[in-house]
Protein backbone atom coordinates (compact mmCIF):
# COMPACT_ATOMS: atom_id res chain seq x y z
CA MET A 1 0.04 0.30 0.22
CA SER A 2 3.04 2.39 0.97
CA GLY A 3 4.26 2.25 -3.07
CA ASN A 4 0.91 3.43 -4.13
CA THR A 5 0.61 6.18 -2.04
CA GLU A 6 4.85 7.11 -2.54
CA GLU A 7 3.70 6.47 -6.11
CA ALA A 8 0.16 9.39 -6.36
CA ALA A 9 2.30 11.38 -4.03
CA ARG A 10 5.61 12.05 -6.40
CA LEU A 11 2.94 12.12 -9.58
CA ALA A 12 0.72 14.94 -7.49
CA LEU A 13 4.28 16.67 -7.86
CA LEU A 14 5.43 16.08 -10.84
CA GLY A 15 1.33 17.69 -11.65
CA LYS A 16 2.55 20.29 -9.77
CA TRP A 17 5.50 21.06 -11.57
CA ALA A 18 4.05 21.10 -15.58
CA THR A 19 1.32 23.60 -14.38
CA ARG A 20 3.73 25.62 -13.53
CA VAL A 21 6.12 25.20 -16.78
CA LEU A 22 3.64 25.30 -18.21
CA ILE A 23 1.66 28.67 -16.78
CA ALA A 24 5.58 30.33 -17.19
CA MET A 25 5.46 29.52 -20.88
CA GLY A 26 2.40 30.95 -21.12
CA ALA A 27 3.15 34.00 -19.33
CA VAL A 28 6.40 34.66 -20.93
CA LEU A 29 4.10 34.49 -24.03
CA VAL A 30 1.76 36.46 -23.30
CA VAL A 31 5.00 38.99 -22.59
CA LEU A 32 6.32 38.24 -25.97
CA GLU A 33 3.42 38.98 -28.03
CA PHE A 34 3.34 42.86 -26.71
CA VAL A 35 7.32 42.97 -27.46
CA VAL A 36 7.70 40.87 -30.91
CA HIS A 37 7.09 42.12 -34.14
CA ARG A 38 4.48 39.95 -36.48
CA HIS A 39 4.46 39.97 -39.82
CA GLY A 40 1.34 38.65 -40.64
CA GLU A 41 -0.22 38.29 -44.14
CA ILE A 42 -3.68 40.00 -42.95
CA ALA A 43 -4.59 43.22 -41.27
CA ALA A 44 -6.08 41.12 -38.89
CA GLU A 45 -2.72 39.79 -37.65
CA ASP A 46 -1.40 41.86 -36.25
CA PHE A 47 -3.52 42.08 -33.82
CA PRO A 48 -2.28 41.23 -30.05
CA LEU A 49 -3.32 37.71 -29.04
CA PHE A 50 -4.73 37.07 -32.31
CA PRO A 51 -3.57 33.49 -33.45
CA ALA A 52 -5.16 32.89 -29.59
CA VAL A 53 -8.80 34.28 -30.01
CA TYR A 54 -8.87 32.55 -33.46
CA ALA A 55 -7.99 28.72 -32.25
CA PHE A 56 -9.95 29.50 -29.02
CA VAL A 57 -12.98 30.95 -31.79
CA VAL A 58 -12.32 27.63 -34.02
CA CYS A 59 -11.81 24.95 -31.08
CA ILE A 60 -15.59 26.13 -30.05
CA LEU A 61 -17.02 26.15 -33.71
CA ILE A 62 -15.91 22.69 -34.45
CA VAL A 63 -16.87 21.71 -30.51
CA VAL A 64 -20.44 23.10 -31.78
CA GLY A 65 -20.05 21.62 -35.63
CA GLY A 66 -19.99 18.39 -34.24
CA ILE A 67 -22.84 19.02 -31.39
CA TYR A 68 -24.48 19.48 -35.14
CA LEU A 69 -23.09 16.50 -37.28
CA ARG A 70 -24.08 13.54 -34.41
CA LYS A 71 -27.69 15.10 -34.47
CA ILE A 72 -27.25 14.92 -37.90
CA ALA A 73 -25.11 11.25 -39.26
CA MET A 74 -25.85 9.66 -35.60
CA ARG A 75 -28.37 6.06 -35.84
CA GLY A 76 -30.26 4.81 -33.33
CA GLU A 77 -29.15 3.03 -30.52
CA ASP A 78 -30.95 -0.57 -31.82
CA TYR A 79 -30.04 -0.35 -35.36
CA TYR A 80 -27.96 -3.31 -35.51
CA ASP A 81 -29.84 -5.00 -33.86
CA ALA A 82 -33.05 -4.94 -35.89
CA GLU A 83 -34.00 -6.66 -38.29
């Protein structure tokens, strides 16, 4: 039993460090967004944090589109049982 709790404690510590590293990387990228000039193809790409906002909106649209696609294409629960 003690091996299991030790492993859980190590995984919890690893999770805390991974979370801190990801938050630090995100903070560095947000700061760099205002320091480094990106050369966008269109004018909208020059707005600060445009890639993050664009990716978030597209992700939401994909999820919502998947919900509607499921309603259109899903077969009944007894599709293979019915004869």
